[in-house]
Structure formats: structure tokens, C-alpha cells
Amino acid sequence: MAIRTVCLCLLQQDQRFLFQRIENVHESKTMYRPIGGTMEYGESSLVTVKREVKEEIHVDIIHPVLQYVIENHFEYTEQDQSTGVSVQGLGHEITFVYSAHVDDPLFYKQDIVYGIESNEVSYEAEWKTLHELKEDPDALVVPEGLLELLLQTKIKESSSSLYHQIASAT
């Protein structure tokens, strides 16, 4: 597998962040990930995060600030489409994590935000506090290490002291 570059956006309302909810049947965990997706060839991380948020939840973000870069190695299990057999692999991602705002106060009043991935799979995103995620034994925030970074640092609205986190499953 090639190294995948991902750009995610932390949208925050008071003490709550918007996370895409992903059911992980292999680990009996619910994964929570900020909105975003994979960088396309030739894009900058800034262009990618704006495009991905617009494509997935149909809003424009304003004032994006790069907060973290996380390098992550992880094991995954997926089903082979042709045989139906579960296959395990090792993934490697570089993730750019931005903070931003949406210039529509009604957006922040939604309890559930509905999104759609590039493969036309729909999902729900919900507002969660970091405390809720930390205390839930069945919650897994991805990429690995993001929850710890968020708990340690305060998001800087106008500038960034960039942190680099390397997480490894091996």
C-alpha cells in the first residue's frame, strides 16, 4: 500500500467538535474522525481540506489553520471484493489536521450533520466533547494520537505551532 495523504478539518462549537461516526465491526468500536479525506495529486493540503469538507457536508469553511501533522502506521482488515475473504494489511498515512469555522450559525445548531463520502456512502457526523470521547471505552478517535493532542493543546484560531506526532502499530 502506498502512503496516503489525508486532510481533516476540526469544526468546533463551544467545547464540542464535529466527528464523522464510523462503525468498526472488526474491533467492536466506534471510530470518530474529523471531516475530510484524501489529497488528490497536485493539491495542497489547504485546497484538499476545503474541497473535502465542501464535497462531504456541503459547507464552505473559513479561516482554516493547520494545527497538526500526524504520521500514522496502522493495521486494518478489509473484505476482498472478488472473493469476500477478509484481508489484513498495514496502512501508512500522513494526516494534515486543520481547524476552521463555518460562516452559518444554523450549521452549529444541527445535532447530526449528514455527509457523503466520495464513493457515495453516506454517514452521520455528530458533535462530541473530548471528555465524552476519552471516557467512552468503545470510542476510538482517528487518526491515532489526535485525541491526546487535542486534550494537551488549545486550538489556535489565527496561527499554529505545528506538532508532529508519529504513531505506530508495529
N, C-alpha and C. Protein backbone atom coordinates (compact mmCIF):
# COMPACT_ATOMS: atom_id res chain seq x y z
N MET A 1 0.84 -1.18 0.00
CA MET A 1 0.00 0.00 0.00
C MET A 1 0.89 1.24 0.00
N ALA A 2 0.52 2.22 -0.78
CA ALA A 2 1.26 3.48 -0.84
C ALA A 2 0.91 4.35 0.37
N ILE A 3 1.74 5.33 0.63
CA ILE A 3 1.45 6.28 1.69
C ILE A 3 0.28 7.14 1.23
N ARG A 4 -0.71 7.24 2.08
CA ARG A 4 -1.91 8.03 1.77
C ARG A 4 -1.82 9.36 2.52
N THR A 5 -2.13 10.45 1.85
CA THR A 5 -2.13 11.76 2.48
C THR A 5 -3.58 12.19 2.68
N VAL A 6 -3.92 12.53 3.92
CA VAL A 6 -5.29 12.85 4.30
C VAL A 6 -5.32 14.25 4.90
N CYS A 7 -6.40 14.97 4.64
CA CYS A 7 -6.59 16.31 5.21
C CYS A 7 -7.93 16.34 5.93
N LEU A 8 -7.91 16.68 7.21
CA LEU A 8 -9.11 16.68 8.04
C LEU A 8 -9.35 18.05 8.63
N CYS A 9 -10.61 18.31 8.99
CA CYS A 9 -10.99 19.62 9.49
C CYS A 9 -11.69 19.51 10.83
N LEU A 10 -11.15 20.16 11.84
CA LEU A 10 -11.77 20.24 13.16
C LEU A 10 -12.73 21.42 13.17
N LEU A 11 -14.00 21.13 13.22
CA LEU A 11 -15.02 22.16 13.37
C LEU A 11 -15.48 22.12 14.81
N GLN A 12 -15.44 23.26 15.48
CA GLN A 12 -15.69 23.29 16.92
C GLN A 12 -16.83 24.24 17.25
N GLN A 13 -17.69 23.78 18.15
CA GLN A 13 -18.76 24.61 18.70
C GLN A 13 -18.66 24.52 20.21
N ASP A 14 -18.31 25.62 20.84
CA ASP A 14 -18.07 25.62 22.29
C ASP A 14 -17.03 24.55 22.61
N GLN A 15 -17.39 23.58 23.43
CA GLN A 15 -16.46 22.51 23.80
C GLN A 15 -16.63 21.25 22.95
N ARG A 16 -17.48 21.32 21.93
CA ARG A 16 -17.77 20.14 21.11
C ARG A 16 -17.13 20.26 19.73
N PHE A 17 -16.68 19.10 19.22
CA PHE A 17 -16.09 19.01 17.89
C PHE A 17 -16.98 18.11 17.03
N LEU A 18 -17.00 18.38 15.72
CA LEU A 18 -17.78 17.56 14.80
C LEU A 18 -16.92 16.39 14.32
N PHE A 19 -17.42 15.17 14.57
CA PHE A 19 -16.72 13.95 14.17
C PHE A 19 -17.62 13.06 13.34
N GLN A 20 -17.08 12.55 12.24
CA GLN A 20 -17.76 11.52 11.46
C GLN A 20 -17.76 10.25 12.30
N ARG A 21 -18.90 9.59 12.38
CA ARG A 21 -19.00 8.34 13.14
C ARG A 21 -18.88 7.17 12.18
N ILE A 22 -17.93 6.26 12.47
CA ILE A 22 -17.67 5.09 11.63
C ILE A 22 -17.74 3.85 12.50
N GLU A 23 -18.66 2.96 12.20
CA GLU A 23 -18.76 1.71 12.97
C GLU A 23 -17.68 0.76 12.49
N ASN A 24 -16.85 0.28 13.41
CA ASN A 24 -15.78 -0.65 13.10
C ASN A 24 -16.18 -2.02 13.63
N VAL A 25 -16.75 -2.84 12.75
CA VAL A 25 -17.27 -4.14 13.17
C VAL A 25 -16.15 -5.11 13.55
N HIS A 26 -14.94 -4.89 13.04
CA HIS A 26 -13.84 -5.81 13.34
C HIS A 26 -13.33 -5.65 14.77
N GLU A 27 -13.45 -4.45 15.33
CA GLU A 27 -12.93 -4.20 16.68
C GLU A 27 -14.04 -3.91 17.68
N SER A 28 -15.31 -3.95 17.24
CA SER A 28 -16.45 -3.60 18.10
C SER A 28 -16.27 -2.22 18.72
N LYS A 29 -15.73 -1.32 17.96
CA LYS A 29 -15.51 0.05 18.40
C LYS A 29 -16.21 0.99 17.43
N THR A 30 -16.50 2.18 17.91
CA THR A 30 -17.00 3.24 17.04
C THR A 30 -15.85 4.21 16.84
N MET A 31 -15.46 4.41 15.58
CA MET A 31 -14.37 5.33 15.29
C MET A 31 -14.96 6.71 15.05
N TYR A 32 -14.24 7.73 15.51
CA TYR A 32 -14.63 9.12 15.31
C TYR A 32 -13.48 9.83 14.62
N ARG A 33 -13.81 10.49 13.52
CA ARG A 33 -12.78 11.15 12.72
C ARG A 33 -13.30 12.51 12.27
N PRO A 34 -12.48 13.55 12.31
CA PRO A 34 -12.92 14.84 11.77
C PRO A 34 -13.28 14.69 10.28
N ILE A 35 -14.05 15.63 9.78
CA ILE A 35 -14.48 15.61 8.38
C ILE A 35 -13.28 15.86 7.47
N GLY A 36 -13.22 15.13 6.36
CA GLY A 36 -12.13 15.32 5.41
C GLY A 36 -11.88 14.09 4.59
N GLY A 37 -10.76 14.08 3.89
CA GLY A 37 -10.47 12.94 3.04
C GLY A 37 -9.10 13.02 2.41
N THR A 38 -8.95 12.27 1.33
CA THR A 38 -7.66 12.04 0.70
C THR A 38 -7.27 13.16 -0.25
N MET A 39 -6.00 13.54 -0.17
CA MET A 39 -5.44 14.55 -1.06
C MET A 39 -5.32 13.98 -2.47
N GLU A 40 -5.68 14.79 -3.45
CA GLU A 40 -5.51 14.40 -4.84
C GLU A 40 -4.18 14.92 -5.35
N TYR A 41 -3.62 14.24 -6.33
CA TYR A 41 -2.32 14.62 -6.89
C TYR A 41 -2.36 16.08 -7.33
N GLY A 42 -1.36 16.86 -6.91
CA GLY A 42 -1.24 18.24 -7.31
C GLY A 42 -1.91 19.23 -6.37
N GLU A 43 -2.71 18.75 -5.41
CA GLU A 43 -3.39 19.63 -4.47
C GLU A 43 -2.49 19.96 -3.29
N SER A 44 -2.70 21.12 -2.71
CA SER A 44 -2.08 21.42 -1.42
C SER A 44 -3.02 20.90 -0.34
N SER A 45 -2.52 20.80 0.87
CA SER A 45 -3.38 20.33 1.96
C SER A 45 -4.52 21.32 2.21
N LEU A 46 -4.28 22.60 2.04
CA LEU A 46 -5.31 23.62 2.24
C LEU A 46 -6.44 23.46 1.22
N VAL A 47 -6.09 23.29 -0.04
CA VAL A 47 -7.09 23.09 -1.09
C VAL A 47 -7.87 21.80 -0.81
N THR A 48 -7.17 20.75 -0.38
CA THR A 48 -7.82 19.47 -0.12
C THR A 48 -8.84 19.58 1.01
N VAL A 49 -8.47 20.20 2.12
CA VAL A 49 -9.39 20.26 3.25
C VAL A 49 -10.64 21.06 2.89
N LYS A 50 -10.47 22.15 2.15
CA LYS A 50 -11.64 22.93 1.72
C LYS A 50 -12.54 22.11 0.78
N ARG A 51 -11.92 21.43 -0.17
CA ARG A 51 -12.69 20.63 -1.13
C ARG A 51 -13.41 19.49 -0.45
N GLU A 52 -12.71 18.77 0.41
CA GLU A 52 -13.31 17.60 1.06
C GLU A 52 -14.50 17.99 1.95
N VAL A 53 -14.38 19.06 2.72
CA VAL A 53 -15.49 19.49 3.57
C VAL A 53 -16.68 19.89 2.70
N LYS A 54 -16.43 20.62 1.63
CA LYS A 54 -17.50 21.05 0.72
C LYS A 54 -18.18 19.84 0.08
N GLU A 55 -17.39 18.87 -0.40
CA GLU A 55 -17.96 17.69 -1.04
C GLU A 55 -18.74 16.83 -0.06
N GLU A 56 -18.24 16.69 1.15
CA GLU A 56 -18.86 15.75 2.09
C GLU A 56 -20.05 16.32 2.85
N ILE A 57 -19.94 17.54 3.36
CA ILE A 57 -21.06 18.06 4.17
C ILE A 57 -21.65 19.36 3.59
N HIS A 58 -21.21 19.75 2.39
CA HIS A 58 -21.82 20.84 1.61
C HIS A 58 -21.77 22.20 2.30
N VAL A 59 -20.65 22.48 2.98
CA VAL A 59 -20.44 23.81 3.55
C VAL A 59 -19.04 24.28 3.18
N ASP A 60 -18.91 25.60 3.14
CA ASP A 60 -17.60 26.21 2.92
C ASP A 60 -16.99 26.53 4.28
N ILE A 61 -15.70 26.21 4.43
CA ILE A 61 -15.03 26.56 5.68
C ILE A 61 -14.31 27.89 5.50
N ILE A 62 -14.17 28.60 6.62
CA ILE A 62 -13.45 29.88 6.60
C ILE A 62 -12.35 29.83 7.65
N HIS A 63 -11.32 30.61 7.42
CA HIS A 63 -10.19 30.75 8.33
C HIS A 63 -9.54 29.41 8.72
N PRO A 64 -9.25 28.52 7.75
CA PRO A 64 -8.58 27.27 8.11
C PRO A 64 -7.15 27.52 8.58
N VAL A 65 -6.76 26.86 9.67
CA VAL A 65 -5.41 26.98 10.23
C VAL A 65 -4.88 25.56 10.45
N LEU A 66 -3.71 25.28 9.91
CA LEU A 66 -3.08 23.98 10.11
C LEU A 66 -2.66 23.86 11.57
N GLN A 67 -3.16 22.81 12.24
CA GLN A 67 -2.86 22.61 13.66
C GLN A 67 -1.86 21.49 13.90
N TYR A 68 -2.02 20.38 13.20
CA TYR A 68 -1.18 19.21 13.45
C TYR A 68 -0.87 18.49 12.14
N VAL A 69 0.25 17.79 12.14
CA VAL A 69 0.56 16.80 11.11
C VAL A 69 0.83 15.51 11.87
N ILE A 70 0.10 14.47 11.53
CA ILE A 70 0.22 13.19 12.23
C ILE A 70 0.61 12.11 11.23
N GLU A 71 1.69 11.42 11.53
CA GLU A 71 2.09 10.27 10.73
C GLU A 71 1.61 9.03 11.46
N ASN A 72 0.91 8.18 10.76
CA ASN A 72 0.26 7.06 11.41
C ASN A 72 0.49 5.77 10.62
N HIS A 73 0.94 4.74 11.32
CA HIS A 73 1.02 3.38 10.78
C HIS A 73 -0.04 2.57 11.50
N PHE A 74 -0.82 1.80 10.78
CA PHE A 74 -1.90 1.06 11.43
C PHE A 74 -2.20 -0.23 10.68
N GLU A 75 -2.76 -1.16 11.41
CA GLU A 75 -3.22 -2.41 10.80
C GLU A 75 -4.70 -2.25 10.48
N TYR A 76 -5.11 -2.86 9.40
CA TYR A 76 -6.53 -2.79 9.02
C TYR A 76 -6.97 -4.15 8.47
N THR A 77 -8.27 -4.34 8.49
CA THR A 77 -8.88 -5.53 7.90
C THR A 77 -9.95 -5.04 6.94
N GLU A 78 -9.93 -5.59 5.73
CA GLU A 78 -10.97 -5.24 4.76
C GLU A 78 -11.39 -6.50 4.02
N GLN A 79 -12.55 -6.42 3.41
CA GLN A 79 -13.06 -7.58 2.69
C GLN A 79 -12.68 -7.47 1.23
N ASP A 80 -12.03 -8.52 0.68
CA ASP A 80 -11.68 -8.56 -0.73
C ASP A 80 -12.98 -8.61 -1.53
N GLN A 81 -13.16 -7.66 -2.46
CA GLN A 81 -14.41 -7.55 -3.21
C GLN A 81 -14.68 -8.76 -4.10
N SER A 82 -13.65 -9.38 -4.63
CA SER A 82 -13.85 -10.50 -5.56
C SER A 82 -14.08 -11.82 -4.84
N THR A 83 -13.42 -12.04 -3.69
CA THR A 83 -13.53 -13.33 -3.00
C THR A 83 -14.39 -13.27 -1.75
N GLY A 84 -14.58 -12.08 -1.18
CA GLY A 84 -15.34 -11.96 0.06
C GLY A 84 -14.54 -12.34 1.29
N VAL A 85 -13.25 -12.62 1.12
CA VAL A 85 -12.39 -13.03 2.21
C VAL A 85 -11.82 -11.79 2.91
N SER A 86 -11.75 -11.82 4.24
CA SER A 86 -11.14 -10.73 4.99
C SER A 86 -9.63 -10.76 4.81
N VAL A 87 -9.07 -9.61 4.50
CA VAL A 87 -7.64 -9.47 4.26
C VAL A 87 -7.09 -8.43 5.22
N GLN A 88 -5.95 -8.74 5.86
CA GLN A 88 -5.32 -7.79 6.75
C GLN A 88 -4.18 -7.10 6.03
N GLY A 89 -3.93 -5.87 6.42
CA GLY A 89 -2.84 -5.12 5.80
C GLY A 89 -2.30 -4.08 6.76
N LEU A 90 -1.26 -3.41 6.32
CA LEU A 90 -0.65 -2.33 7.10
C LEU A 90 -0.82 -1.04 6.31
N GLY A 91 -1.39 -0.04 6.96
CA GLY A 91 -1.60 1.26 6.33
C GLY A 91 -0.59 2.27 6.82
N HIS A 92 -0.36 3.29 6.02
CA HIS A 92 0.57 4.37 6.36
C HIS A 92 -0.05 5.67 5.84
N GLU A 93 -0.36 6.58 6.76
CA GLU A 93 -0.98 7.84 6.40
C GLU A 93 -0.21 9.02 6.97
N ILE A 94 -0.20 10.09 6.21
CA ILE A 94 0.24 11.40 6.69
C ILE A 94 -1.04 12.24 6.72
N THR A 95 -1.39 12.77 7.89
CA THR A 95 -2.64 13.50 8.03
C THR A 95 -2.37 14.94 8.44
N PHE A 96 -2.91 15.86 7.66
CA PHE A 96 -2.89 17.29 7.96
C PHE A 96 -4.22 17.61 8.65
N VAL A 97 -4.16 18.14 9.86
CA VAL A 97 -5.37 18.44 10.62
C VAL A 97 -5.50 19.95 10.76
N TYR A 98 -6.56 20.49 10.18
CA TYR A 98 -6.85 21.92 10.22
C TYR A 98 -7.98 22.20 11.20
N SER A 99 -8.01 23.41 11.73
CA SER A 99 -9.19 23.91 12.41
C SER A 99 -9.79 24.97 11.50
N ALA A 100 -11.10 25.13 11.56
CA ALA A 100 -11.78 26.12 10.71
C ALA A 100 -13.16 26.40 11.29
N HIS A 101 -13.86 27.31 10.64
CA HIS A 101 -15.22 27.67 11.03
C HIS A 101 -16.11 27.61 9.80
N VAL A 102 -17.40 27.55 10.07
CA VAL A 102 -18.41 27.67 9.02
C VAL A 102 -19.15 28.97 9.29
N ASP A 103 -19.36 29.76 8.25
CA ASP A 103 -19.98 31.08 8.41
C ASP A 103 -21.50 31.00 8.32
N ASP A 104 -22.08 30.04 9.02
CA ASP A 104 -23.54 29.88 9.06
C ASP A 104 -23.91 29.40 10.45
N PRO A 105 -24.49 30.28 11.29
CA PRO A 105 -24.80 29.89 12.67
C PRO A 105 -25.79 28.72 12.75
N LEU A 106 -26.61 28.53 11.73
CA LEU A 106 -27.56 27.41 11.74
C LEU A 106 -26.85 26.06 11.65
N PHE A 107 -25.70 26.05 11.01
CA PHE A 107 -24.93 24.81 10.89
C PHE A 107 -24.62 24.23 12.27
N TYR A 108 -24.27 25.08 13.21
CA TYR A 108 -23.86 24.64 14.54
C TYR A 108 -25.04 24.22 15.41
N LYS A 109 -26.26 24.47 14.96
CA LYS A 109 -27.45 24.07 15.72
C LYS A 109 -27.89 22.64 15.40
N GLN A 110 -27.31 22.04 14.36
CA GLN A 110 -27.66 20.67 13.99
C GLN A 110 -27.03 19.68 14.97
N ASP A 111 -27.82 18.75 15.48
CA ASP A 111 -27.26 17.70 16.34
C ASP A 111 -26.50 16.68 15.51
N ILE A 112 -27.05 16.35 14.36
CA ILE A 112 -26.43 15.40 13.44
C ILE A 112 -26.20 16.12 12.12
N VAL A 113 -25.02 15.97 11.55
CA VAL A 113 -24.70 16.52 10.23
C VAL A 113 -24.54 15.32 9.30
N TYR A 114 -25.27 15.35 8.20
CA TYR A 114 -25.21 14.23 7.26
C TYR A 114 -24.18 14.51 6.18
N GLY A 115 -23.36 13.49 5.91
CA GLY A 115 -22.31 13.63 4.93
C GLY A 115 -22.32 12.49 3.95
N ILE A 116 -21.51 12.63 2.91
CA ILE A 116 -21.39 11.59 1.91
C ILE A 116 -19.93 11.49 1.47
N GLU A 117 -19.42 10.27 1.46
CA GLU A 117 -18.04 10.02 1.02
C GLU A 117 -17.97 10.04 -0.50
N SER A 118 -16.75 10.08 -1.04
CA SER A 118 -16.57 10.11 -2.50
C SER A 118 -17.09 8.85 -3.18
N ASN A 119 -17.19 7.74 -2.43
CA ASN A 119 -17.72 6.51 -3.01
C ASN A 119 -19.24 6.41 -2.85
N GLU A 120 -19.87 7.54 -2.56
CA GLU A 120 -21.33 7.67 -2.42
C GLU A 120 -21.89 7.00 -1.17
N VAL A 121 -21.05 6.63 -0.23
CA VAL A 121 -21.52 6.07 1.04
C VAL A 121 -21.85 7.24 1.97
N SER A 122 -23.07 7.23 2.50
CA SER A 122 -23.47 8.31 3.39
C SER A 122 -23.06 8.00 4.83
N TYR A 123 -22.94 9.05 5.63
CA TYR A 123 -22.57 8.89 7.02
C TYR A 123 -23.21 9.99 7.86
N GLU A 124 -23.13 9.81 9.18
CA GLU A 124 -23.57 10.82 10.12
C GLU A 124 -22.36 11.32 10.88
N ALA A 125 -22.36 12.63 11.11
CA ALA A 125 -21.33 13.24 11.95
C ALA A 125 -22.05 13.86 13.13
N GLU A 126 -21.43 13.81 14.28
CA GLU A 126 -22.07 14.34 15.47
C GLU A 126 -21.09 15.15 16.29
N TRP A 127 -21.63 16.02 17.11
CA TRP A 127 -20.84 16.88 17.98
C TRP A 127 -20.50 16.12 19.25
N LYS A 128 -19.23 16.04 19.58
CA LYS A 128 -18.76 15.32 20.76
C LYS A 128 -17.75 16.18 21.52
N THR A 129 -17.80 16.10 22.84
CA THR A 129 -16.76 16.74 23.63
C THR A 129 -15.58 15.78 23.72
N LEU A 130 -14.42 16.33 23.98
CA LEU A 130 -13.24 15.48 24.15
C LEU A 130 -13.40 14.58 25.36
N HIS A 131 -14.05 15.08 26.40
CA HIS A 131 -14.29 14.29 27.61
C HIS A 131 -15.17 13.08 27.29
N GLU A 132 -16.23 13.28 26.51
CA GLU A 132 -17.10 12.16 26.12
C GLU A 132 -16.30 11.07 25.41
N LEU A 133 -15.46 11.49 24.50
CA LEU A 133 -14.67 10.52 23.73
C LEU A 133 -13.64 9.82 24.59
N LYS A 134 -13.01 10.56 25.49
CA LYS A 134 -11.99 9.98 26.37
C LYS A 134 -12.60 8.95 27.33
N GLU A 135 -13.80 9.23 27.82
CA GLU A 135 -14.44 8.36 28.81
C GLU A 135 -15.17 7.17 28.21
N ASP A 136 -15.39 7.15 26.91
CA ASP A 136 -16.13 6.06 26.26
C ASP A 136 -15.14 4.96 25.86
N PRO A 137 -15.20 3.78 26.50
CA PRO A 137 -14.25 2.71 26.17
C PRO A 137 -14.45 2.13 24.77
N ASP A 138 -15.61 2.39 24.16
CA ASP A 138 -15.88 1.87 22.82
C ASP A 138 -15.62 2.91 21.73
N ALA A 139 -15.11 4.09 22.11
CA ALA A 139 -14.81 5.14 21.13
C ALA A 139 -13.33 5.12 20.79
N LEU A 140 -13.04 5.26 19.52
CA LEU A 140 -11.67 5.31 19.03
C LEU A 140 -11.55 6.52 18.10
N VAL A 141 -10.80 7.54 18.52
CA VAL A 141 -10.60 8.73 17.69
C VAL A 141 -9.44 8.44 16.75
N VAL A 142 -9.68 8.69 15.46
CA VAL A 142 -8.64 8.50 14.45
C VAL A 142 -8.43 9.81 13.72
N PRO A 143 -7.19 10.06 13.30
CA PRO A 143 -6.02 9.20 13.39
C PRO A 143 -5.56 9.05 14.84
N GLU A 144 -4.86 7.94 15.07
CA GLU A 144 -4.33 7.65 16.40
C GLU A 144 -3.46 8.81 16.87
N GLY A 145 -3.67 9.21 18.11
CA GLY A 145 -2.90 10.29 18.69
C GLY A 145 -3.60 11.64 18.65
N LEU A 146 -4.65 11.78 17.82
CA LEU A 146 -5.34 13.07 17.71
C LEU A 146 -6.03 13.46 19.01
N LEU A 147 -6.72 12.53 19.64
CA LEU A 147 -7.42 12.86 20.89
C LEU A 147 -6.43 13.36 21.93
N GLU A 148 -5.30 12.70 22.06
CA GLU A 148 -4.30 13.10 23.04
C GLU A 148 -3.77 14.51 22.74
N LEU A 149 -3.54 14.80 21.45
CA LEU A 149 -3.08 16.14 21.08
C LEU A 149 -4.13 17.19 21.42
N LEU A 150 -5.38 16.89 21.14
CA LEU A 150 -6.46 17.85 21.42
C LEU A 150 -6.61 18.07 22.92
N LEU A 151 -6.41 17.03 23.71
CA LEU A 151 -6.52 17.16 25.16
C LEU A 151 -5.35 17.98 25.73
N GLN A 152 -4.19 17.92 25.08
CA GLN A 152 -2.98 18.61 25.57
C GLN A 152 -2.91 20.07 25.16
N THR A 153 -3.49 20.40 24.02
CA THR A 153 -3.28 21.73 23.47
C THR A 153 -4.60 22.45 23.22
N LYS A 154 -4.54 23.75 23.20
CA LYS A 154 -5.69 24.57 22.85
C LYS A 154 -5.55 24.94 21.38
N ILE A 155 -6.63 24.78 20.63
CA ILE A 155 -6.62 25.14 19.21
C ILE A 155 -6.37 26.64 19.08
N LYS A 156 -5.42 26.98 18.23
CA LYS A 156 -5.09 28.39 17.99
C LYS A 156 -5.84 28.84 16.74
N GLU A 157 -6.67 29.84 16.90
CA GLU A 157 -7.58 30.28 15.84
C GLU A 157 -6.85 30.98 14.69
N SER A 158 -5.79 31.73 14.97
CA SER A 158 -5.21 32.55 13.91
C SER A 158 -3.82 32.09 13.48
N SER A 159 -3.15 31.33 14.31
CA SER A 159 -1.82 30.87 13.94
C SER A 159 -1.62 29.47 14.51
N SER A 160 -0.53 28.86 14.15
CA SER A 160 -0.32 27.48 14.55
C SER A 160 1.12 27.24 14.99
N SER A 161 1.28 26.55 16.11
CA SER A 161 2.56 25.96 16.47
C SER A 161 2.41 24.50 16.09
N LEU A 162 3.03 24.10 15.03
CA LEU A 162 2.80 22.79 14.46
C LEU A 162 3.40 21.70 15.31
N TYR A 163 2.63 20.66 15.57
CA TYR A 163 3.08 19.48 16.30
C TYR A 163 3.22 18.33 15.32
N HIS A 164 4.20 17.47 15.53
CA HIS A 164 4.35 16.29 14.69
C HIS A 164 4.28 15.06 15.58
N GLN A 165 3.33 14.21 15.27
CA GLN A 165 3.09 13.01 16.08
C GLN A 165 3.31 11.80 15.19
N ILE A 166 4.10 10.84 15.62
CA ILE A 166 4.27 9.59 14.89
C ILE A 166 3.70 8.48 15.73
N ALA A 167 2.67 7.82 15.18
CA ALA A 167 2.04 6.71 15.89
C ALA A 167 2.26 5.45 15.06
N SER A 168 2.56 4.35 15.74
CA SER A 168 2.89 3.13 15.03
C SER A 168 2.20 1.94 15.65
N ALA A 169 1.64 1.08 14.82
CA ALA A 169 1.00 -0.14 15.28
C ALA A 169 2.01 -1.28 15.36
N THR A 170 3.23 -1.05 14.86
CA THR A 170 4.22 -2.13 14.86
C THR A 170 5.20 -2.00 15.98
